[in-house]
C-alpha atoms as a PDB file:
ATOM      1  CA  MET A   1       0.000   0.000   0.000  1.00  0.00           C
ATOM      2  CA  VAL A   2       1.402   3.381  -1.038  1.00  0.00           C
ATOM      3  CA  THR A   3       2.160   5.749   1.849  1.00  0.00           C
ATOM      4  CA  PRO A   4      -0.954   7.888   2.512  1.00  0.00           C
ATOM      5  CA  GLY A   5      -0.666  11.330   0.942  1.00  0.00           C
ATOM      6  CA  TRP A   6       2.141  10.274  -1.398  1.00  0.00           C
ATOM      7  CA  LEU A   7       2.416  12.608  -4.372  1.00  0.00           C
ATOM      8  CA  HIS A   8       2.578  10.931  -7.778  1.00  0.00           C
ATOM      9  CA  TRP A   9       5.324  12.163 -10.075  1.00  0.00           C
ATOM     10  CA  PHE A  10       4.318  14.818 -12.613  1.00  0.00           C
ATOM     11  CA  GLU A  11       2.856  13.301 -15.759  1.00  0.00           C
ATOM     12  CA  GLY A  12       3.227  15.110 -19.083  1.00  0.00           C
ATOM     13  CA  PRO A  13       6.078  17.497 -18.162  1.00  0.00           C
ATOM     14  CA  THR A  14       6.541  20.494 -20.409  1.00  0.00           C
ATOM     15  CA  GLU A  15       9.317  20.667 -22.967  1.00  0.00           C
ATOM     16  CA  PRO A  16      12.103  22.846 -21.542  1.00  0.00           C
ATOM     17  CA  THR A  17      12.776  26.185 -23.172  1.00  0.00           C
ATOM     18  CA  PHE A  18      16.406  25.982 -22.001  1.00  0.00           C
ATOM     19  CA  THR A  19      18.439  23.918 -24.451  1.00  0.00           C
ATOM     20  CA  LEU A  20      20.734  21.634 -22.511  1.00  0.00           C
ATOM     21  CA  PRO A  21      24.327  21.266 -23.716  1.00  0.00           C
ATOM     22  CA  GLU A  22      24.998  18.117 -25.714  1.00  0.00           C
ATOM     23  CA  GLY A  23      25.714  15.165 -23.442  1.00  0.00           C
ATOM     24  CA  ALA A  24      23.949  16.618 -20.378  1.00  0.00           C
ATOM     25  CA  VAL A  25      23.688  14.298 -17.366  1.00  0.00           C
ATOM     26  CA  ASP A  26      20.903  13.910 -14.816  1.00  0.00           C
ATOM     27  CA  ALA A  27      23.228  13.098 -11.917  1.00  0.00           C
ATOM     28  CA  HIS A  28      20.546  12.309  -9.322  1.00  0.00           C
ATOM     29  CA  CYS A  29      17.434  10.263 -10.039  1.00  0.00           C
ATOM     30  CA  HIS A  30      15.829   7.036  -8.848  1.00  0.00           C
ATOM     31  CA  VAL A  31      13.843   4.001  -9.873  1.00  0.00           C
ATOM     32  CA  PHE A  32      11.131   2.592  -7.601  1.00  0.00           C
ATOM     33  CA  GLY A  33      10.281  -1.025  -8.311  1.00  0.00           C
ATOM     34  CA  PRO A  34       7.991  -1.758 -10.020  1.00  0.00           C
ATOM     35  CA  ALA A  35       7.115  -3.420  -6.712  1.00  0.00           C
ATOM     36  CA  ALA A  36       5.642  -6.504  -8.382  1.00  0.00           C
ATOM     37  CA  GLU A  37       9.062  -7.222  -9.881  1.00  0.00           C
ATOM     38  CA  PHE A  38      11.391  -5.614  -7.342  1.00  0.00           C
ATOM     39  CA  PRO A  39       9.737  -5.647  -3.895  1.00  0.00           C
ATOM     40  CA  PHE A  40      10.509  -2.827  -1.495  1.00  0.00           C
ATOM     41  CA  ALA A  41      12.600  -3.495   1.613  1.00  0.00           C
ATOM     42  CA  PRO A  42      10.713  -4.650   4.724  1.00  0.00           C
ATOM     43  CA  GLU A  43      12.514  -2.026   6.851  1.00  0.00           C
ATOM     44  CA  ARG A  44      11.550   0.896   4.565  1.00  0.00           C
ATOM     45  CA  LYS A  45      10.060   4.029   6.060  1.00  0.00           C
ATOM     46  CA  TYR A  46       7.841   4.804   3.059  1.00  0.00           C
ATOM     47  CA  THR A  47       6.159   2.978   0.185  1.00  0.00           C
ATOM     48  CA  PRO A  48       6.262   4.982  -3.052  1.00  0.00           C
ATOM     49  CA  VAL A  49       4.380   4.920  -6.308  1.00  0.00           C
ATOM     50  CA  ASP A  50       6.146   2.742  -8.894  1.00  0.00           C
ATOM     51  CA  ALA A  51       8.615   4.641 -11.087  1.00  0.00           C
ATOM     52  CA  SER A  52      10.162   2.307 -13.626  1.00  0.00           C
ATOM     53  CA  LYS A  53      13.349   2.417 -15.660  1.00  0.00           C
ATOM     54  CA  ALA A  54      11.331   2.816 -18.862  1.00  0.00           C
ATOM     55  CA  GLN A  55       9.575   5.873 -17.427  1.00  0.00           C
ATOM     56  CA  LEU A  56      12.893   7.345 -16.258  1.00  0.00           C
ATOM     57  CA  PHE A  57      14.530   6.847 -19.645  1.00  0.00           C
ATOM     58  CA  ALA A  58      11.495   8.348 -21.408  1.00  0.00           C
ATOM     59  CA  LEU A  59      11.791  11.440 -19.190  1.00  0.00           C
ATOM     60  CA  ARG A  60      15.530  11.654 -19.950  1.00  0.00           C
ATOM     61  CA  ASP A  61      14.825  11.735 -23.675  1.00  0.00           C
ATOM     62  CA  HIS A  62      11.902  14.170 -23.358  1.00  0.00           C
ATOM     63  CA  LEU A  63      13.975  16.676 -21.393  1.00  0.00           C
ATOM     64  CA  GLY A  64      16.929  16.500 -23.782  1.00  0.00           C
ATOM     65  CA  LEU A  65      19.279  14.752 -21.376  1.00  0.00           C
ATOM     66  CA  ALA A  66      21.784  12.153 -22.545  1.00  0.00           C
ATOM     67  CA  LEU A  67      22.680  10.176 -19.436  1.00  0.00           C
ATOM     68  CA  ASN A  68      21.476   9.291 -15.936  1.00  0.00           C
ATOM     69  CA  VAL A  69      23.094   8.620 -12.599  1.00  0.00           C
ATOM     70  CA  ILE A  70      20.593   6.461 -10.725  1.00  0.00           C
ATOM     71  CA  VAL A  71      20.818   6.593  -6.946  1.00  0.00           C
ATOM     72  CA  GLN A  72      19.614   3.658  -4.865  1.00  0.00           C
ATOM     73  CA  ALA A  73      16.398   4.607  -3.101  1.00  0.00           C
ATOM     74  CA  THR A  74      16.070   4.024   0.638  1.00  0.00           C
ATOM     75  CA  CYS A  75      12.811   2.133   0.092  1.00  0.00           C
ATOM     76  CA  HIS A  76      14.856  -0.632  -1.562  1.00  0.00           C
ATOM     77  CA  GLY A  77      17.367  -0.859   1.300  1.00  0.00           C
ATOM     78  CA  ALA A  78      20.565  -2.706   0.349  1.00  0.00           C
ATOM     79  CA  ASP A  79      18.839  -4.785  -2.331  1.00  0.00           C
ATOM     80  CA  ASN A  80      20.190  -3.119  -5.467  1.00  0.00           C
ATOM     81  CA  SER A  81      18.275  -5.363  -7.897  1.00  0.00           C
ATOM     82  CA  ALA A  82      16.064  -2.618  -9.369  1.00  0.00           C
ATOM     83  CA  LEU A  83      19.051  -0.294  -9.719  1.00  0.00           C
ATOM     84  CA  VAL A  84      21.210  -2.924 -11.418  1.00  0.00           C
ATOM     85  CA  ASP A  85      18.349  -3.904 -13.727  1.00  0.00           C
ATOM     86  CA  ALA A  86      17.978  -0.286 -14.817  1.00  0.00           C
ATOM     87  CA  LEU A  87      21.719   0.056 -15.407  1.00  0.00           C
ATOM     88  CA  ARG A  88      21.878  -3.140 -17.455  1.00  0.00           C
ATOM     89  CA  HIS A  89      18.995  -1.957 -19.653  1.00  0.00           C
ATOM     90  CA  SER A  90      20.359   1.564 -20.183  1.00  0.00           C
ATOM     91  CA  ASP A  91      22.614   0.781 -23.185  1.00  0.00           C
ATOM     92  CA  GLY A  92      25.525   2.341 -21.338  1.00  0.00           C
ATOM     93  CA  LYS A  93      23.610   5.548 -20.680  1.00  0.00           C
ATOM     94  CA  ALA A  94      23.399   5.186 -16.897  1.00  0.00           C
ATOM     95  CA  ARG A  95      25.707   4.833 -13.935  1.00  0.00           C
ATOM     96  CA  GLY A  96      24.637   4.019 -10.400  1.00  0.00           C
ATOM     97  CA  VAL A  97      25.091   4.757  -6.716  1.00  0.00           C
ATOM     98  CA  ALA A  98      24.313   1.719  -4.574  1.00  0.00           C
ATOM     99  CA  THR A  99      23.625   0.953  -0.935  1.00  0.00           C
ATOM    100  CA  VAL A 100      25.756  -1.838   0.529  1.00  0.00           C
ATOM    101  CA  ARG A 101      26.385  -3.375   3.920  1.00  0.00           C
ATOM    102  CA  ALA A 102      29.799  -3.823   5.513  1.00  0.00           C
ATOM    103  CA  ASP A 103      29.727  -7.576   4.852  1.00  0.00           C
ATOM    104  CA  VAL A 104      29.169  -7.165   1.100  1.00  0.00           C
ATOM    105  CA  SER A 105      31.263  -9.716  -0.750  1.00  0.00           C
ATOM    106  CA  ASP A 106      34.079  -8.848  -3.132  1.00  0.00           C
ATOM    107  CA  ASP A 107      32.177 -10.692  -5.842  1.00  0.00           C
ATOM    108  CA  GLU A 108      29.082  -8.542  -5.288  1.00  0.00           C
ATOM    109  CA  LEU A 109      31.145  -5.347  -5.403  1.00  0.00           C
ATOM    110  CA  ALA A 110      32.748  -6.535  -8.646  1.00  0.00           C
ATOM    111  CA  SER A 111      29.324  -7.332 -10.078  1.00  0.00           C
ATOM    112  CA  LEU A 112      27.988  -3.904  -9.092  1.00  0.00           C
ATOM    113  CA  HIS A 113      31.001  -2.241 -10.689  1.00  0.00           C
ATOM    114  CA  GLU A 114      30.542  -4.199 -13.896  1.00  0.00           C
ATOM    115  CA  ALA A 115      26.888  -3.099 -13.991  1.00  0.00           C
ATOM    116  CA  GLY A 116      27.917   0.558 -13.742  1.00  0.00           C
ATOM    117  CA  VAL A 117      27.888   1.387 -10.028  1.00  0.00           C
ATOM    118  CA  ARG A 118      30.493   3.994  -9.136  1.00  0.00           C
ATOM    119  CA  GLY A 119      29.576   4.975  -5.593  1.00  0.00           C
ATOM    120  CA  VAL A 120      27.657   4.170  -2.424  1.00  0.00           C
ATOM    121  CA  ARG A 121      25.266   6.360  -0.505  1.00  0.00           C
ATOM    122  CA  PHE A 122      25.411   7.108   3.225  1.00  0.00           C
ATOM    123  CA  ASN A 123      22.117   8.560   4.462  1.00  0.00           C
ATOM    124  CA  PHE A 124      22.045  10.512   7.723  1.00  0.00           C
ATOM    125  CA  VAL A 125      18.481  11.844   7.436  1.00  0.00           C
ATOM    126  CA  LYS A 126      16.830  10.169  10.407  1.00  0.00           C
ATOM    127  CA  ARG A 127      13.272  10.378   9.095  1.00  0.00           C
ATOM    128  CA  LEU A 128      14.331   8.285   6.094  1.00  0.00           C
ATOM    129  CA  VAL A 129      16.644   5.665   7.590  1.00  0.00           C
ATOM    130  CA  ASP A 130      17.826   4.251  10.882  1.00  0.00           C
ATOM    131  CA  VAL A 131      21.244   5.579  11.842  1.00  0.00           C
ATOM    132  CA  THR A 132      24.149   3.321  10.879  1.00  0.00           C
ATOM    133  CA  PRO A 133      27.188   3.334  13.234  1.00  0.00           C
ATOM    134  CA  THR A 134      30.113   5.258  11.768  1.00  0.00           C
ATOM    135  CA  GLU A 135      32.375   2.224  12.255  1.00  0.00           C
ATOM    136  CA  VAL A 136      30.235   0.317   9.755  1.00  0.00           C
ATOM    137  CA  LEU A 137      30.400   3.198   7.278  1.00  0.00           C
ATOM    138  CA  GLU A 138      34.168   3.399   7.679  1.00  0.00           C
ATOM    139  CA  THR A 139      34.409  -0.288   6.791  1.00  0.00           C
ATOM    140  CA  ILE A 140      32.279   0.212   3.687  1.00  0.00           C
ATOM    141  CA  ALA A 141      34.354   3.201   2.566  1.00  0.00           C
ATOM    142  CA  ALA A 142      37.542   1.161   2.930  1.00  0.00           C
ATOM    143  CA  ARG A 143      36.012  -1.674   0.894  1.00  0.00           C
ATOM    144  CA  ILE A 144      35.024   0.559  -2.045  1.00  0.00           C
ATOM    145  CA  ALA A 145      38.134   2.753  -2.159  1.00  0.00           C
ATOM    146  CA  PRO A 146      40.163   0.280  -4.292  1.00  0.00           C
ATOM    147  CA  LEU A 147      37.397   0.361  -6.914  1.00  0.00           C
ATOM    148  CA  GLY A 148      37.760   4.110  -7.369  1.00  0.00           C
ATOM    149  CA  TRP A 149      34.226   4.706  -6.106  1.00  0.00           C
ATOM    150  CA  HIS A 150      33.017   7.669  -4.073  1.00  0.00           C
ATOM    151  CA  VAL A 151      30.574   8.141  -1.202  1.00  0.00           C
ATOM    152  CA  VAL A 152      27.387  10.161  -1.625  1.00  0.00           C
ATOM    153  CA  ILE A 153      26.357  11.748   1.670  1.00  0.00           C
ATOM    154  CA  TYR A 154      22.852  12.943   2.502  1.00  0.00           C
ATOM    155  CA  PHE A 155      22.399  15.019   5.643  1.00  0.00           C
ATOM    156  CA  GLU A 156      20.627  18.097   6.904  1.00  0.00           C
ATOM    157  CA  ALA A 157      22.461  21.372   7.513  1.00  0.00           C
ATOM    158  CA  ALA A 158      21.988  21.327  11.277  1.00  0.00           C
ATOM    159  CA  ASP A 159      23.795  17.973  11.491  1.00  0.00           C
ATOM    160  CA  LEU A 160      26.947  18.966   9.580  1.00  0.00           C
ATOM    161  CA  PRO A 161      28.957  20.235  12.592  1.00  0.00           C
ATOM    162  CA  GLY A 162      28.709  16.816  14.236  1.00  0.00           C
ATOM    163  CA  LEU A 163      29.505  14.899  11.060  1.00  0.00           C
ATOM    164  CA  LYS A 164      32.167  16.870   9.211  1.00  0.00           C
ATOM    165  CA  ASP A 165      35.165  15.348  11.009  1.00  0.00           C
ATOM    166  CA  PHE A 166      33.885  11.867  10.203  1.00  0.00           C
ATOM    167  CA  PHE A 167      33.305  12.859   6.582  1.00  0.00           C
ATOM    168  CA  ALA A 168      36.832  14.274   6.335  1.00  0.00           C
ATOM    169  CA  SER A 169      38.263  10.973   7.579  1.00  0.00           C
ATOM    170  CA  LEU A 170      36.813   8.902   4.739  1.00  0.00           C
ATOM    171  CA  PRO A 171      39.411   7.749   2.161  1.00  0.00           C
ATOM    172  CA  VAL A 172      37.306   8.486  -0.932  1.00  0.00           C
ATOM    173  CA  PRO A 173      35.812  11.506  -2.708  1.00  0.00           C
ATOM    174  CA  LEU A 174      32.511  12.748  -1.272  1.00  0.00           C
ATOM    175  CA  VAL A 175      29.412  13.940  -3.116  1.00  0.00           C
ATOM    176  CA  VAL A 176      26.897  15.956  -1.085  1.00  0.00           C
ATOM    177  CA  ASP A 177      23.231  15.524  -1.942  1.00  0.00           C
ATOM    178  CA  HIS A 178      21.073  18.638  -2.343  1.00  0.00           C
ATOM    179  CA  MET A 179      23.644  21.162  -1.051  1.00  0.00           C
ATOM    180  CA  GLY A 180      23.456  19.654   2.436  1.00  0.00           C
ATOM    181  CA  ARG A 181      19.862  20.886   2.738  1.00  0.00           C
ATOM    182  CA  PRO A 182      20.532  24.504   3.767  1.00  0.00           C
ATOM    183  CA  ASP A 183      17.922  26.548   5.597  1.00  0.00           C
ATOM    184  CA  VAL A 184      17.097  28.977   2.802  1.00  0.00           C
ATOM    185  CA  THR A 185      15.351  31.373   5.194  1.00  0.00           C
ATOM    186  CA  LYS A 186      18.837  32.267   6.427  1.00  0.00           C
ATOM    187  CA  ASP A 187      21.411  34.498   4.771  1.00  0.00           C
ATOM    188  CA  PRO A 188      23.443  32.715   2.055  1.00  0.00           C
ATOM    189  CA  GLU A 189      26.323  34.917   3.250  1.00  0.00           C
ATOM    190  CA  GLY A 190      25.746  33.857   6.857  1.00  0.00           C
ATOM    191  CA  PRO A 191      27.790  31.600   9.142  1.00  0.00           C
ATOM    192  CA  GLU A 192      25.798  28.379   8.674  1.00  0.00           C
ATOM    193  CA  PHE A 193      26.185  28.241   4.912  1.00  0.00           C
ATOM    194  CA  ALA A 194      29.753  29.513   5.223  1.00  0.00           C
ATOM    195  CA  GLU A 195      30.536  26.462   7.353  1.00  0.00           C
ATOM    196  CA  PHE A 196      29.181  24.233   4.597  1.00  0.00           C
ATOM    197  CA  LEU A 197      31.226  26.033   1.935  1.00  0.00           C
ATOM    198  CA  ASP A 198      34.355  25.734   4.090  1.00  0.00           C
ATOM    199  CA  PHE A 199      33.705  22.009   4.452  1.00  0.00           C
ATOM    200  CA  VAL A 200      33.480  21.655   0.673  1.00  0.00           C
ATOM    201  CA  ALA A 201      36.619  23.733   0.134  1.00  0.00           C
ATOM    202  CA  ALA A 202      38.671  21.702   2.593  1.00  0.00           C
ATOM    203  CA  GLY A 203      38.491  18.321   0.819  1.00  0.00           C
ATOM    204  CA  ASP A 204      37.667  16.321  -2.281  1.00  0.00           C
ATOM    205  CA  VAL A 205      33.990  17.205  -1.963  1.00  0.00           C
ATOM    206  CA  TRP A 206      31.476  17.583  -4.795  1.00  0.00           C
ATOM    207  CA  VAL A 207      28.000  19.128  -4.434  1.00  0.00           C
ATOM    208  CA  LYS A 208      24.686  18.421  -6.120  1.00  0.00           C
ATOM    209  CA  VAL A 209      22.851  21.715  -6.611  1.00  0.00           C
ATOM    210  CA  SER A 210      19.616  19.777  -6.882  1.00  0.00           C
ATOM    211  CA  CYS A 211      16.149  19.712  -5.350  1.00  0.00           C
ATOM    212  CA  PRO A 212      15.145  23.369  -5.088  1.00  0.00           C
ATOM    213  CA  GLU A 213      11.589  22.035  -4.759  1.00  0.00           C
ATOM    214  CA  ARG A 214      12.694  20.265  -1.576  1.00  0.00           C
ATOM    215  CA  LEU A 215      14.536  23.236  -0.088  1.00  0.00           C
ATOM    216  CA  THR A 216      12.220  26.121  -0.925  1.00  0.00           C
ATOM    217  CA  VAL A 217      10.117  27.917   1.663  1.00  0.00           C
ATOM    218  CA  THR A 218       8.600  30.770  -0.335  1.00  0.00           C
ATOM    219  CA  GLY A 219       8.766  29.331  -3.890  1.00  0.00           C
ATOM    220  CA  PRO A 220       7.133  29.921  -6.270  1.00  0.00           C
ATOM    221  CA  ALA A 221       6.753  26.336  -7.437  1.00  0.00           C
ATOM    222  CA  ALA A 222       7.902  25.006 -10.810  1.00  0.00           C
ATOM    223  CA  LEU A 223       4.374  24.677 -12.136  1.00  0.00           C
ATOM    224  CA  ASP A 224       2.116  26.368 -14.679  1.00  0.00           C
ATOM    225  CA  GLY A 225       4.933  27.825 -16.755  1.00  0.00           C
ATOM    226  CA  GLU A 226       6.629  29.604 -13.838  1.00  0.00           C
ATOM    227  CA  THR A 227       9.924  31.035 -15.140  1.00  0.00           C
ATOM    228  CA  GLU A 228      11.271  32.269 -11.797  1.00  0.00           C
ATOM    229  CA  ALA A 229      10.702  29.211  -9.622  1.00  0.00           C
ATOM    230  CA  TYR A 230      12.278  28.714  -6.193  1.00  0.00           C
ATOM    231  CA  ARG A 231      13.800  32.169  -5.998  1.00  0.00           C
ATOM    232  CA  ASP A 232      14.754  31.663  -2.339  1.00  0.00           C
ATOM    233  CA  VAL A 233      17.042  28.748  -3.246  1.00  0.00           C
ATOM    234  CA  VAL A 234      18.821  30.419  -6.180  1.00  0.00           C
ATOM    235  CA  PRO A 235      21.377  32.489  -4.180  1.00  0.00           C
ATOM    236  CA  PHE A 236      22.581  29.365  -2.362  1.00  0.00           C
ATOM    237  CA  ALA A 237      22.908  27.222  -5.463  1.00  0.00           C
ATOM    238  CA  ARG A 238      24.523  29.953  -7.546  1.00  0.00           C
ATOM    239  CA  LYS A 239      27.067  30.594  -4.806  1.00  0.00           C
ATOM    240  CA  VAL A 240      28.097  26.924  -4.853  1.00  0.00           C
ATOM    241  CA  VAL A 241      28.229  26.766  -8.670  1.00  0.00           C
ATOM    242  CA  GLU A 242      30.352  29.896  -8.952  1.00  0.00           C
ATOM    243  CA  ARG A 243      32.741  29.003  -6.117  1.00  0.00           C
ATOM    244  CA  PHE A 244      33.204  25.343  -7.084  1.00  0.00           C
ATOM    245  CA  PRO A 245      32.552  25.224 -10.843  1.00  0.00           C
ATOM    246  CA  ASP A 246      34.521  21.993 -11.304  1.00  0.00           C
ATOM    247  CA  ARG A 247      32.855  20.119  -8.419  1.00  0.00           C
ATOM    248  CA  VAL A 248      29.126  20.665  -8.900  1.00  0.00           C
ATOM    249  CA  LEU A 249      26.483  18.318 -10.308  1.00  0.00           C
ATOM    250  CA  TRP A 250      22.799  18.667 -11.137  1.00  0.00           C
ATOM    251  CA  GLY A 251      19.945  16.179 -11.076  1.00  0.00           C
ATOM    252  CA  THR A 252      16.176  16.049 -11.374  1.00  0.00           C
ATOM    253  CA  ASP A 253      15.624  13.860  -8.276  1.00  0.00           C
ATOM    254  CA  TRP A 254      12.860  12.173 -10.292  1.00  0.00           C
ATOM    255  CA  PRO A 255      10.406  10.818  -9.156  1.00  0.00           C
ATOM    256  CA  HIS A 256      10.795  13.256  -6.243  1.00  0.00           C
ATOM    257  CA  PRO A 257      10.192  11.005  -3.222  1.00  0.00           C
ATOM    258  CA  ASN A 258       8.609  12.242  -0.010  1.00  0.00           C
ATOM    259  CA  LEU A 259       7.534  15.644  -1.257  1.00  0.00           C
ATOM    260  CA  LYS A 260       4.643  16.989   0.816  1.00  0.00           C
ATOM    261  CA  ASP A 261       3.727  20.310  -0.771  1.00  0.00           C
ATOM    262  CA  HIS A 262       3.701  19.935  -4.550  1.00  0.00           C
ATOM    263  CA  MET A 263       5.114  17.849  -7.393  1.00  0.00           C
ATOM    264  CA  PRO A 264       7.199  19.938  -9.788  1.00  0.00           C
ATOM    265  CA  ASP A 265       7.065  19.932 -13.562  1.00  0.00           C
ATOM    266  CA  ASP A 266      10.429  18.410 -14.560  1.00  0.00           C
ATOM    267  CA  GLY A 267      10.564  20.519 -17.701  1.00  0.00           C
ATOM    268  CA  LEU A 268      10.475  23.645 -15.546  1.00  0.00           C
ATOM    269  CA  LEU A 269      13.204  22.195 -13.320  1.00  0.00           C
ATOM    270  CA  VAL A 270      15.425  22.133 -16.402  1.00  0.00           C
ATOM    271  CA  ASP A 271      14.467  25.738 -17.095  1.00  0.00           C
ATOM    272  CA  HIS A 272      15.623  26.569 -13.550  1.00  0.00           C
ATOM    273  CA  ILE A 273      19.238  25.683 -14.421  1.00  0.00           C
ATOM    274  CA  PRO A 274      20.250  29.036 -16.017  1.00  0.00           C
ATOM    275  CA  HIS A 275      19.263  30.793 -12.803  1.00  0.00           C
ATOM    276  CA  ILE A 276      21.894  28.869 -10.836  1.00  0.00           C
ATOM    277  CA  ALA A 277      24.476  28.442 -13.619  1.00  0.00           C
ATOM    278  CA  PRO A 278      24.095  31.634 -15.643  1.00  0.00           C
ATOM    279  CA  THR A 279      26.853  31.228 -18.256  1.00  0.00           C
ATOM    280  CA  PRO A 280      27.409  28.600 -20.959  1.00  0.00           C
ATOM    281  CA  GLU A 281      30.759  27.747 -19.363  1.00  0.00           C
ATOM    282  CA  LEU A 282      29.189  27.064 -15.967  1.00  0.00           C
ATOM    283  CA  GLN A 283      26.376  25.089 -17.595  1.00  0.00           C
ATOM    284  CA  GLN A 284      28.830  22.916 -19.544  1.00  0.00           C
ATOM    285  CA  ALA A 285      30.803  22.133 -16.386  1.00  0.00           C
ATOM    286  CA  LEU A 286      27.724  21.468 -14.253  1.00  0.00           C
ATOM    287  CA  LEU A 287      25.847  19.321 -16.736  1.00  0.00           C
ATOM    288  CA  VAL A 288      28.526  17.596 -18.819  1.00  0.00           C
ATOM    289  CA  ASP A 289      32.173  17.919 -17.844  1.00  0.00           C
ATOM    290  CA  ASN A 290      31.868  17.284 -14.101  1.00  0.00           C
ATOM    291  CA  PRO A 291      29.515  14.269 -14.173  1.00  0.00           C
ATOM    292  CA  MET A 292      31.493  12.731 -17.035  1.00  0.00           C
ATOM    293  CA  ARG A 293      34.717  13.061 -15.046  1.00  0.00           C
ATOM    294  CA  LEU A 294      33.147  11.442 -11.997  1.00  0.00           C
ATOM    295  CA  TYR A 295      30.991   8.728 -13.587  1.00  0.00           C
ATOM    296  CA  TRP A 296      32.363   8.142 -17.094  1.00  0.00           C
ATOM    297  CA  PRO A 297      36.151   8.551 -16.926  1.00  0.00           C
ATOM    298  CA  GLU A 298      37.928   8.629 -20.278  1.00  0.00           C
ATOM    299  CA  GLY A 299      37.291   5.505 -22.316  1.00  0.00           C
ATOM    300  CA  GLU A 300      34.361   4.241 -20.241  1.00  0.00           C
ATOM    301  CA  HIS A 301      31.372   5.846 -21.965  1.00  0.00           C
ATOM    302  CA  SER A 302      29.922   3.263 -24.314  1.00  0.00           C
ATOM    303  CA  ALA A 303      26.735   5.105 -25.328  1.00  0.00           C
END
């Protein structure tokens, strides 16, 4: 049974007016099930609407994107079957970020790598997952380091002070989901966001300037042709893009799990990009050069 109040992803998204650069990558998206084929994890904290690989790839093509990075959804736990299935059916046009346990076998890691997985995700958002001891996460990071993978970290801004020393100790590159979920009612020049920017500057840390629909407080929403959506998030995202042009990524977050307020039009999310990356050079880095360097190193892209 789908979680009560769950918002279905936006059907019939508009065609973006912003023309994406050739080879643009959606560096954060998901597949959910379909549950009849890939059951959700018993320990999940939500049950979503199905969102299949075919629907994801159709959205990719409609928006003018070339490639996807599919991130394992918490509702599937450490069973990466749906993710791997999507990767294997992508014709080389997708890479993945998995969830693994500390006792994952070398054979399973090798199989995930062969399928296109290039990272693992550590989730610290307590409403989505139960907290995993840092010792377990340290073991996982040590296991994946020889593969050249990275760790994607998802946390909320208020929790960064207690986590940043642990993050800095990990022996792999880090990719921060959704800008570390800043409080956009605060000053982007203020001390809280400055601490986040200092954390990024201090290490091999990349940032996804994604999910304005998740961070916004005053909007307006990316619906009904709105050309100036999520104005309260723009100063934060633009600051990250302009300070770290070679370490930023963008993604749709389709099918937008756990949204409570509204479901955005994905075409308008694409049209939001020039507000946060205002020049062709920044757009090329954000959408093509950076994700290719991280997920399709030279010689690996078969699409």
